[in-house]
Amino acid sequence: LLPGIEKDPGVEFSGDRKVQAYNFRMCTTDDAANKRDWEKPANY
């Protein structure tokens, strides 16, 4: 499987030790003078 994919979700309505996904709430802008371009991470 590609990274981050499970074979089986588990039994419907059963419990597990899994938690809802995290992310970062990015502060972006469309103001050209204040905006950075999206850069490719070094360890992409």
All heavy atoms as atom14 arrays in JSON, in Angstrom:
{
  "sequence": "LLPGIEKDPGVEFSGDRKVQAYNFRMCTTDDAANKRDWEKPANY",
  "atom14_mask": [
    [1, 1, 1, 1, 1, 1, 1, 1, 0, 0, 0, 0, 0, 0],
    [1, 1, 1, 1, 1, 1, 1, 1, 0, 0, 0, 0, 0, 0],
    [1, 1, 1, 1, 1, 1, 1, 0, 0, 0, 0, 0, 0, 0],
    [1, 1, 1, 1, 0, 0, 0, 0, 0, 0, 0, 0, 0, 0],
    [1, 1, 1, 1, 1, 1, 1, 1, 0, 0, 0, 0, 0, 0],
    [1, 1, 1, 1, 1, 1, 1, 1, 1, 0, 0, 0, 0, 0],
    [1, 1, 1, 1, 1, 1, 1, 1, 1, 0, 0, 0, 0, 0],
    [1, 1, 1, 1, 1, 1, 1, 1, 0, 0, 0, 0, 0, 0],
    [1, 1, 1, 1, 1, 1, 1, 0, 0, 0, 0, 0, 0, 0],
    [1, 1, 1, 1, 0, 0, 0, 0, 0, 0, 0, 0, 0, 0],
    [1, 1, 1, 1, 1, 1, 1, 0, 0, 0, 0, 0, 0, 0],
    [1, 1, 1, 1, 1, 1, 1, 1, 1, 0, 0, 0, 0, 0],
    [1, 1, 1, 1, 1, 1, 1, 1, 1, 1, 1, 0, 0, 0],
    [1, 1, 1, 1, 1, 1, 0, 0, 0, 0, 0, 0, 0, 0],
    [1, 1, 1, 1, 0, 0, 0, 0, 0, 0, 0, 0, 0, 0],
    [1, 1, 1, 1, 1, 1, 1, 1, 0, 0, 0, 0, 0, 0],
    [1, 1, 1, 1, 1, 1, 1, 1, 1, 1, 1, 0, 0, 0],
    [1, 1, 1, 1, 1, 1, 1, 1, 1, 0, 0, 0, 0, 0],
    [1, 1, 1, 1, 1, 1, 1, 0, 0, 0, 0, 0, 0, 0],
    [1, 1, 1, 1, 1, 1, 1, 1, 1, 0, 0, 0, 0, 0],
    [1, 1, 1, 1, 1, 0, 0, 0, 0, 0, 0, 0, 0, 0],
    [1, 1, 1, 1, 1, 1, 1, 1, 1, 1, 1, 1, 0, 0],
    [1, 1, 1, 1, 1, 1, 1, 1, 0, 0, 0, 0, 0, 0],
    [1, 1, 1, 1, 1, 1, 1, 1, 1, 1, 1, 0, 0, 0],
    [1, 1, 1, 1, 1, 1, 1, 1, 1, 1, 1, 0, 0, 0],
    [1, 1, 1, 1, 1, 1, 1, 1, 0, 0, 0, 0, 0, 0],
    [1, 1, 1, 1, 1, 1, 0, 0, 0, 0, 0, 0, 0, 0],
    [1, 1, 1, 1, 1, 1, 1, 0, 0, 0, 0, 0, 0, 0],
    [1, 1, 1, 1, 1, 1, 1, 0, 0, 0, 0, 0, 0, 0],
    [1, 1, 1, 1, 1, 1, 1, 1, 0, 0, 0, 0, 0, 0],
    [1, 1, 1, 1, 1, 1, 1, 1, 0, 0, 0, 0, 0, 0],
    [1, 1, 1, 1, 1, 0, 0, 0, 0, 0, 0, 0, 0, 0],
    [1, 1, 1, 1, 1, 0, 0, 0, 0, 0, 0, 0, 0, 0],
    [1, 1, 1, 1, 1, 1, 1, 1, 0, 0, 0, 0, 0, 0],
    [1, 1, 1, 1, 1, 1, 1, 1, 1, 0, 0, 0, 0, 0],
    [1, 1, 1, 1, 1, 1, 1, 1, 1, 1, 1, 0, 0, 0],
    [1, 1, 1, 1, 1, 1, 1, 1, 0, 0, 0, 0, 0, 0],
    [1, 1, 1, 1, 1, 1, 1, 1, 1, 1, 1, 1, 1, 1],
    [1, 1, 1, 1, 1, 1, 1, 1, 1, 0, 0, 0, 0, 0],
    [1, 1, 1, 1, 1, 1, 1, 1, 1, 0, 0, 0, 0, 0],
    [1, 1, 1, 1, 1, 1, 1, 0, 0, 0, 0, 0, 0, 0],
    [1, 1, 1, 1, 1, 0, 0, 0, 0, 0, 0, 0, 0, 0],
    [1, 1, 1, 1, 1, 1, 1, 1, 0, 0, 0, 0, 0, 0],
    [1, 1, 1, 1, 1, 1, 1, 1, 1, 1, 1, 1, 0, 0]
  ],
  "atom14_positions": [
    [[0.82, -1.2, 0.0], [0.0, 0.0, 0.0], [0.86, 1.26, 0.0], [1.97, 1.26, 0.53], [-0.91, 0.01, 1.23], [-2.0, -1.06, 1.28], [-2.6, -1.13, 2.68], [-3.08, -0.78, 0.25], [0.0, 0.0, 0.0], [0.0, 0.0, 0.0], [0.0, 0.0, 0.0], [0.0, 0.0, 0.0], [0.0, 0.0, 0.0], [0.0, 0.0, 0.0]],
    [[0.35, 2.31, -0.58], [0.99, 3.61, -0.47], [1.03, 4.04, 1.0], [0.22, 3.57, 1.81], [0.23, 4.65, -1.29], [0.29, 4.5, -2.82], [-0.68, 5.49, -3.47], [1.7, 4.73, -3.33], [0.0, 0.0, 0.0], [0.0, 0.0, 0.0], [0.0, 0.0, 0.0], [0.0, 0.0, 0.0], [0.0, 0.0, 0.0], [0.0, 0.0, 0.0]],
    [[1.94, 4.93, 1.38], [2.03, 5.35, 2.78], [0.72, 5.93, 3.3], [0.0, 6.64, 2.58], [3.13, 6.42, 2.76], [3.92, 6.15, 1.54], [2.97, 5.58, 0.54], [0.0, 0.0, 0.0], [0.0, 0.0, 0.0], [0.0, 0.0, 0.0], [0.0, 0.0, 0.0], [0.0, 0.0, 0.0], [0.0, 0.0, 0.0], [0.0, 0.0, 0.0]],
    [[0.43, 5.61, 4.56], [-0.71, 6.21, 5.23], [-2.05, 5.55, 4.97], [-3.09, 6.12, 5.32], [0.0, 0.0, 0.0], [0.0, 0.0, 0.0], [0.0, 0.0, 0.0], [0.0, 0.0, 0.0], [0.0, 0.0, 0.0], [0.0, 0.0, 0.0], [0.0, 0.0, 0.0], [0.0, 0.0, 0.0], [0.0, 0.0, 0.0], [0.0, 0.0, 0.0]],
    [[-2.04, 4.35, 4.41], [-3.29, 3.64, 4.1], [-3.33, 2.33, 4.87], [-2.35, 1.58, 4.9], [-3.43, 3.38, 2.58], [-3.36, 4.7, 1.81], [-4.73, 2.64, 2.28], [-3.32, 4.52, 0.3], [0.0, 0.0, 0.0], [0.0, 0.0, 0.0], [0.0, 0.0, 0.0], [0.0, 0.0, 0.0], [0.0, 0.0, 0.0], [0.0, 0.0, 0.0]],
    [[-4.47, 2.05, 5.5], [-4.66, 0.82, 6.27], [-5.41, -0.21, 5.42], [-6.2, 0.14, 4.53], [-5.47, 1.1, 7.54], [-4.86, 2.14, 8.45], [-3.53, 1.69, 9.02], [-3.47, 0.56, 9.54], [-2.57, 2.47, 8.95], [0.0, 0.0, 0.0], [0.0, 0.0, 0.0], [0.0, 0.0, 0.0], [0.0, 0.0, 0.0], [0.0, 0.0, 0.0]],
    [[-5.19, -1.49, 5.72], [-5.9, -2.55, 5.0], [-7.37, -2.6, 5.37], [-8.22, -2.88, 4.54], [-5.24, -3.9, 5.29], [-3.86, -4.07, 4.68], [-3.3, -5.46, 4.99], [-1.92, -5.64, 4.39], [-1.35, -6.99, 4.7], [0.0, 0.0, 0.0], [0.0, 0.0, 0.0], [0.0, 0.0, 0.0], [0.0, 0.0, 0.0], [0.0, 0.0, 0.0]],
    [[-7.66, -2.35, 6.66], [-9.01, -2.58, 7.18], [-9.34, -1.5, 8.2], [-8.53, -1.22, 9.08], [-9.04, -3.96, 7.84], [-10.44, -4.4, 8.26], [-11.29, -3.52, 8.46], [-10.66, -5.61, 8.41], [0.0, 0.0, 0.0], [0.0, 0.0, 0.0], [0.0, 0.0, 0.0], [0.0, 0.0, 0.0], [0.0, 0.0, 0.0], [0.0, 0.0, 0.0]],
    [[-10.53, -0.89, 8.12], [-10.86, 0.16, 9.08], [-11.26, -0.35, 10.46], [-11.31, 0.42, 11.42], [-12.05, 0.86, 8.42], [-12.71, -0.21, 7.61], [-11.57, -1.08, 7.1], [0.0, 0.0, 0.0], [0.0, 0.0, 0.0], [0.0, 0.0, 0.0], [0.0, 0.0, 0.0], [0.0, 0.0, 0.0], [0.0, 0.0, 0.0], [0.0, 0.0, 0.0]],
    [[-11.56, -1.64, 10.58], [-12.04, -2.18, 11.84], [-13.54, -2.39, 11.81], [-14.23, -2.03, 10.86], [0.0, 0.0, 0.0], [0.0, 0.0, 0.0], [0.0, 0.0, 0.0], [0.0, 0.0, 0.0], [0.0, 0.0, 0.0], [0.0, 0.0, 0.0], [0.0, 0.0, 0.0], [0.0, 0.0, 0.0], [0.0, 0.0, 0.0], [0.0, 0.0, 0.0]],
    [[-14.05, -2.97, 12.88], [-15.47, -3.3, 12.96], [-16.29, -2.05, 13.23], [-15.95, -1.24, 14.1], [-15.71, -4.34, 14.08], [-17.2, -4.66, 14.22], [-14.92, -5.62, 13.8], [0.0, 0.0, 0.0], [0.0, 0.0, 0.0], [0.0, 0.0, 0.0], [0.0, 0.0, 0.0], [0.0, 0.0, 0.0], [0.0, 0.0, 0.0], [0.0, 0.0, 0.0]],
    [[-17.36, -1.87, 12.48], [-18.2, -0.69, 12.62], [-18.68, -0.51, 14.06], [-19.12, -1.46, 14.72], [-19.42, -0.81, 11.68], [-20.25, 0.44, 11.56], [-19.63, 1.5, 10.63], [-18.4, 1.44, 10.4], [-20.36, 2.37, 10.16], [0.0, 0.0, 0.0], [0.0, 0.0, 0.0], [0.0, 0.0, 0.0], [0.0, 0.0, 0.0], [0.0, 0.0, 0.0]],
    [[-18.54, 0.7, 14.57], [-18.95, 1.14, 15.91], [-18.05, 0.61, 17.03], [-18.32, 0.87, 18.2], [-20.4, 0.76, 16.22], [-21.39, 1.23, 15.19], [-22.45, 0.41, 14.8], [-21.28, 2.48, 14.6], [-23.36, 0.84, 13.84], [-22.18, 2.91, 13.65], [-23.22, 2.08, 13.27], [0.0, 0.0, 0.0], [0.0, 0.0, 0.0], [0.0, 0.0, 0.0]],
    [[-16.99, -0.12, 16.68], [-16.08, -0.62, 17.72], [-15.09, 0.47, 18.12], [-14.85, 1.42, 17.37], [-15.31, -1.84, 17.21], [-14.46, -1.49, 16.13], [0.0, 0.0, 0.0], [0.0, 0.0, 0.0], [0.0, 0.0, 0.0], [0.0, 0.0, 0.0], [0.0, 0.0, 0.0], [0.0, 0.0, 0.0], [0.0, 0.0, 0.0], [0.0, 0.0, 0.0]],
    [[-14.51, 0.33, 19.31], [-13.53, 1.29, 19.78], [-12.14, 0.97, 19.27], [-11.87, -0.12, 18.76], [0.0, 0.0, 0.0], [0.0, 0.0, 0.0], [0.0, 0.0, 0.0], [0.0, 0.0, 0.0], [0.0, 0.0, 0.0], [0.0, 0.0, 0.0], [0.0, 0.0, 0.0], [0.0, 0.0, 0.0], [0.0, 0.0, 0.0], [0.0, 0.0, 0.0]],
    [[-11.24, 1.95, 19.38], [-9.85, 1.75, 18.99], [-8.98, 2.78, 19.72], [-9.48, 3.58, 20.5], [-9.67, 1.84, 17.47], [-10.22, 3.13, 16.87], [-10.19, 4.18, 17.55], [-10.67, 3.11, 15.71], [0.0, 0.0, 0.0], [0.0, 0.0, 0.0], [0.0, 0.0, 0.0], [0.0, 0.0, 0.0], [0.0, 0.0, 0.0], [0.0, 0.0, 0.0]],
    [[-7.69, 2.76, 19.46], [-6.76, 3.7, 20.09], [-6.36, 4.8, 19.11], [-5.33, 5.45, 19.28], [-5.51, 2.95, 20.57], [-5.78, 1.85, 21.58], [-6.15, 2.38, 22.94], [-5.01, 2.98, 23.64], [-5.1, 3.55, 24.84], [-6.27, 3.6, 25.46], [-4.03, 4.07, 25.41], [0.0, 0.0, 0.0], [0.0, 0.0, 0.0], [0.0, 0.0, 0.0]],
    [[-7.18, 5.05, 18.12], [-6.87, 6.02, 17.07], [-7.53, 7.36, 17.38], [-8.64, 7.41, 17.9], [-7.35, 5.48, 15.72], [-6.73, 4.13, 15.37], [-7.38, 3.5, 14.15], [-6.8, 2.12, 13.87], [-7.48, 1.45, 12.73], [0.0, 0.0, 0.0], [0.0, 0.0, 0.0], [0.0, 0.0, 0.0], [0.0, 0.0, 0.0], [0.0, 0.0, 0.0]],
    [[-6.83, 8.45, 17.04], [-7.34, 9.79, 17.32], [-7.52, 10.58, 16.03], [-6.87, 10.31, 15.02], [-6.42, 10.57, 18.29], [-6.4, 9.91, 19.65], [-5.01, 10.68, 17.74], [0.0, 0.0, 0.0], [0.0, 0.0, 0.0], [0.0, 0.0, 0.0], [0.0, 0.0, 0.0], [0.0, 0.0, 0.0], [0.0, 0.0, 0.0], [0.0, 0.0, 0.0]],
    [[-8.42, 11.56, 16.08], [-8.7, 12.33, 14.87], [-7.48, 13.14, 14.45], [-6.62, 13.5, 15.26], [-9.91, 13.23, 15.07], [-9.82, 14.25, 16.19], [-11.02, 15.16, 16.21], [-11.36, 15.81, 15.2], [-11.7, 15.24, 17.34], [0.0, 0.0, 0.0], [0.0, 0.0, 0.0], [0.0, 0.0, 0.0], [0.0, 0.0, 0.0], [0.0, 0.0, 0.0]],
    [[-7.41, 13.41, 13.15], [-6.2, 13.95, 12.53], [-5.84, 15.34, 13.05], [-6.69, 16.15, 13.4], [-6.39, 14.0, 11.02], [0.0, 0.0, 0.0], [0.0, 0.0, 0.0], [0.0, 0.0, 0.0], [0.0, 0.0, 0.0], [0.0, 0.0, 0.0], [0.0, 0.0, 0.0], [0.0, 0.0, 0.0], [0.0, 0.0, 0.0], [0.0, 0.0, 0.0]],
    [[-4.53, 15.6, 13.07], [-3.97, 16.91, 13.43], [-3.54, 17.64, 12.16], [-3.28, 17.03, 11.11], [-2.73, 16.75, 14.32], [-2.9, 16.02, 15.63], [-1.77, 15.59, 16.33], [-4.15, 15.73, 16.17], [-1.88, 14.92, 17.55], [-4.26, 15.06, 17.39], [-3.12, 14.65, 18.07], [-3.23, 13.98, 19.26], [0.0, 0.0, 0.0], [0.0, 0.0, 0.0]],
    [[-3.41, 18.94, 12.28], [-2.79, 19.74, 11.21], [-2.29, 21.04, 11.81], [-2.3, 21.24, 13.02], [-3.77, 20.0, 10.06], [-4.9, 20.97, 10.4], [-5.18, 21.24, 11.58], [-5.57, 21.48, 9.39], [0.0, 0.0, 0.0], [0.0, 0.0, 0.0], [0.0, 0.0, 0.0], [0.0, 0.0, 0.0], [0.0, 0.0, 0.0], [0.0, 0.0, 0.0]],
    [[-1.82, 21.93, 10.96], [-1.45, 23.29, 11.36], [-2.41, 24.26, 10.68], [-2.69, 24.11, 9.48], [-0.01, 23.62, 10.94], [1.04, 22.85, 11.69], [1.48, 21.62, 11.21], [1.6, 23.34, 12.86], [2.45, 20.9, 11.89], [2.57, 22.62, 13.54], [2.99, 21.4, 13.05], [0.0, 0.0, 0.0], [0.0, 0.0, 0.0], [0.0, 0.0, 0.0]],
    [[-2.9, 25.23, 11.43], [-3.79, 26.23, 10.86], [-2.93, 27.37, 10.31], [-2.49, 28.26, 11.05], [-4.78, 26.73, 11.92], [-5.68, 25.63, 12.48], [-6.72, 25.15, 11.5], [-7.79, 26.1, 11.36], [-8.99, 25.98, 11.97], [-9.25, 24.94, 12.73], [-9.92, 26.89, 11.79], [0.0, 0.0, 0.0], [0.0, 0.0, 0.0], [0.0, 0.0, 0.0]],
    [[-2.69, 27.32, 9.01], [-1.75, 28.25, 8.39], [-2.35, 29.65, 8.24], [-3.51, 29.81, 7.88], [-1.35, 27.73, 7.01], [-0.64, 26.4, 7.02], [-0.18, 25.85, 5.35], [-1.78, 25.66, 4.58], [0.0, 0.0, 0.0], [0.0, 0.0, 0.0], [0.0, 0.0, 0.0], [0.0, 0.0, 0.0], [0.0, 0.0, 0.0], [0.0, 0.0, 0.0]],
    [[-1.53, 30.64, 8.51], [-1.9, 32.03, 8.27], [-1.32, 32.43, 6.92], [-0.12, 32.67, 6.79], [-1.38, 32.94, 9.37], [-1.93, 34.65, 9.17], [0.0, 0.0, 0.0], [0.0, 0.0, 0.0], [0.0, 0.0, 0.0], [0.0, 0.0, 0.0], [0.0, 0.0, 0.0], [0.0, 0.0, 0.0], [0.0, 0.0, 0.0], [0.0, 0.0, 0.0]],
    [[-2.18, 32.47, 5.9], [-1.74, 32.8, 4.55], [-2.29, 34.16, 4.15], [-3.15, 34.73, 4.82], [-2.2, 31.74, 3.54], [-3.64, 31.76, 3.46], [-1.74, 30.35, 3.96], [0.0, 0.0, 0.0], [0.0, 0.0, 0.0], [0.0, 0.0, 0.0], [0.0, 0.0, 0.0], [0.0, 0.0, 0.0], [0.0, 0.0, 0.0], [0.0, 0.0, 0.0]],
    [[-1.82, 34.66, 3.03], [-2.29, 35.95, 2.52], [-2.23, 35.96, 1.0], [-1.46, 35.21, 0.39], [-1.44, 37.1, 3.08], [-1.96, 38.35, 2.6], [0.02, 36.98, 2.66], [0.0, 0.0, 0.0], [0.0, 0.0, 0.0], [0.0, 0.0, 0.0], [0.0, 0.0, 0.0], [0.0, 0.0, 0.0], [0.0, 0.0, 0.0], [0.0, 0.0, 0.0]],
    [[-3.04, 36.83, 0.4], [-2.96, 37.07, -1.04], [-2.29, 38.39, -1.36], [-2.23, 38.81, -2.52], [-4.34, 37.0, -1.69], [-5.27, 38.12, -1.24], [-4.9, 38.88, -0.31], [-6.38, 38.24, -1.8], [0.0, 0.0, 0.0], [0.0, 0.0, 0.0], [0.0, 0.0, 0.0], [0.0, 0.0, 0.0], [0.0, 0.0, 0.0], [0.0, 0.0, 0.0]],
    [[-1.78, 39.07, -0.34], [-1.09, 40.34, -0.52], [0.32, 40.06, -1.04], [1.15, 39.5, -0.32], [-1.05, 41.1, 0.8], [-0.29, 42.41, 0.7], [-0.29, 43.01, -0.4], [0.32, 42.82, 1.7], [0.0, 0.0, 0.0], [0.0, 0.0, 0.0], [0.0, 0.0, 0.0], [0.0, 0.0, 0.0], [0.0, 0.0, 0.0], [0.0, 0.0, 0.0]],
    [[0.59, 40.44, -2.28], [1.85, 40.09, -2.94], [3.07, 40.54, -2.14], [4.08, 39.83, -2.09], [1.89, 40.67, -4.35], [0.0, 0.0, 0.0], [0.0, 0.0, 0.0], [0.0, 0.0, 0.0], [0.0, 0.0, 0.0], [0.0, 0.0, 0.0], [0.0, 0.0, 0.0], [0.0, 0.0, 0.0], [0.0, 0.0, 0.0], [0.0, 0.0, 0.0]],
    [[2.97, 41.69, -1.5], [4.13, 42.21, -0.76], [4.37, 41.44, 0.53], [5.47, 41.5, 1.09], [3.91, 43.69, -0.45], [0.0, 0.0, 0.0], [0.0, 0.0, 0.0], [0.0, 0.0, 0.0], [0.0, 0.0, 0.0], [0.0, 0.0, 0.0], [0.0, 0.0, 0.0], [0.0, 0.0, 0.0], [0.0, 0.0, 0.0], [0.0, 0.0, 0.0]],
    [[3.39, 40.72, 1.01], [3.5, 40.03, 2.3], [3.44, 38.51, 2.16], [3.41, 37.81, 3.15], [2.36, 40.51, 3.22], [2.58, 40.15, 4.67], [3.72, 40.09, 5.15], [1.51, 39.9, 5.39], [0.0, 0.0, 0.0], [0.0, 0.0, 0.0], [0.0, 0.0, 0.0], [0.0, 0.0, 0.0], [0.0, 0.0, 0.0], [0.0, 0.0, 0.0]],
    [[3.45, 38.02, 0.93], [3.21, 36.6, 0.67], [4.48, 35.86, 0.29], [5.25, 36.33, -0.55], [2.18, 36.45, -0.46], [1.8, 35.02, -0.78], [0.83, 34.95, -1.96], [1.56, 35.21, -3.27], [0.73, 34.91, -4.46], [0.0, 0.0, 0.0], [0.0, 0.0, 0.0], [0.0, 0.0, 0.0], [0.0, 0.0, 0.0], [0.0, 0.0, 0.0]],
    [[4.68, 34.69, 0.89], [5.77, 33.79, 0.5], [5.25, 32.75, -0.49], [4.11, 32.31, -0.41], [6.34, 33.06, 1.71], [7.09, 33.94, 2.67], [7.67, 33.15, 3.81], [8.54, 32.06, 3.4], [9.33, 31.38, 4.22], [9.35, 31.66, 5.52], [10.09, 30.41, 3.79], [0.0, 0.0, 0.0], [0.0, 0.0, 0.0], [0.0, 0.0, 0.0]],
    [[6.11, 32.34, -1.38], [5.75, 31.25, -2.28], [5.87, 29.93, -1.52], [6.58, 29.83, -0.51], [6.68, 31.25, -3.5], [6.21, 30.29, -4.59], [5.04, 29.85, -4.52], [7.0, 29.97, -5.49], [0.0, 0.0, 0.0], [0.0, 0.0, 0.0], [0.0, 0.0, 0.0], [0.0, 0.0, 0.0], [0.0, 0.0, 0.0], [0.0, 0.0, 0.0]],
    [[5.15, 28.91, -2.0], [5.27, 27.58, -1.41], [6.58, 26.95, -1.84], [6.84, 26.78, -3.04], [4.09, 26.7, -1.82], [2.77, 27.25, -1.37], [1.78, 27.76, -2.17], [2.31, 27.39, -0.02], [0.73, 28.2, -1.4], [1.02, 27.98, -0.08], [2.86, 27.07, 1.21], [0.27, 28.25, 1.06], [2.11, 27.34, 2.36], [0.84, 27.92, 2.28]],
    [[7.41, 26.62, -0.87], [8.75, 26.11, -1.14], [8.78, 24.59, -0.96], [8.13, 24.04, -0.08], [9.76, 26.77, -0.19], [9.8, 28.28, -0.33], [10.51, 28.96, 0.83], [11.15, 28.24, 1.63], [10.4, 30.19, 0.96], [0.0, 0.0, 0.0], [0.0, 0.0, 0.0], [0.0, 0.0, 0.0], [0.0, 0.0, 0.0], [0.0, 0.0, 0.0]],
    [[9.57, 23.93, -1.78], [9.71, 22.48, -1.7], [10.6, 22.13, -0.52], [11.75, 22.56, -0.45], [10.32, 21.94, -2.99], [10.36, 20.42, -3.08], [10.89, 19.97, -4.44], [10.87, 18.46, -4.57], [11.36, 18.02, -5.9], [0.0, 0.0, 0.0], [0.0, 0.0, 0.0], [0.0, 0.0, 0.0], [0.0, 0.0, 0.0], [0.0, 0.0, 0.0]],
    [[10.1, 21.35, 0.44], [10.94, 21.0, 1.6], [12.19, 20.22, 1.19], [12.17, 19.45, 0.21], [10.01, 20.12, 2.45], [8.63, 20.49, 2.01], [8.74, 20.83, 0.56], [0.0, 0.0, 0.0], [0.0, 0.0, 0.0], [0.0, 0.0, 0.0], [0.0, 0.0, 0.0], [0.0, 0.0, 0.0], [0.0, 0.0, 0.0], [0.0, 0.0, 0.0]],
    [[13.24, 20.41, 1.93], [14.52, 19.76, 1.6], [14.4, 18.24, 1.66], [15.08, 17.52, 0.9], [15.61, 20.24, 2.57], [0.0, 0.0, 0.0], [0.0, 0.0, 0.0], [0.0, 0.0, 0.0], [0.0, 0.0, 0.0], [0.0, 0.0, 0.0], [0.0, 0.0, 0.0], [0.0, 0.0, 0.0], [0.0, 0.0, 0.0], [0.0, 0.0, 0.0]],
    [[13.54, 17.73, 2.54], [13.4, 16.27, 2.69], [12.12, 15.76, 2.02], [11.54, 14.76, 2.46], [13.4, 15.89, 4.16], [12.28, 16.57, 4.94], [11.66, 17.51, 4.43], [12.03, 16.11, 6.14], [0.0, 0.0, 0.0], [0.0, 0.0, 0.0], [0.0, 0.0, 0.0], [0.0, 0.0, 0.0], [0.0, 0.0, 0.0], [0.0, 0.0, 0.0]],
    [[11.68, 16.43, 0.97], [10.46, 16.06, 0.25], [10.52, 14.61, -0.21], [11.47, 14.18, -0.86], [10.28, 16.99, -0.95], [9.03, 16.76, -1.77], [7.82, 17.33, -1.39], [9.07, 16.0, -2.94], [6.68, 17.15, -2.16], [7.93, 15.81, -3.71], [6.73, 16.38, -3.31], [5.6, 16.2, -4.07], [0.0, 0.0, 0.0], [0.0, 0.0, 0.0]]
  ]
}
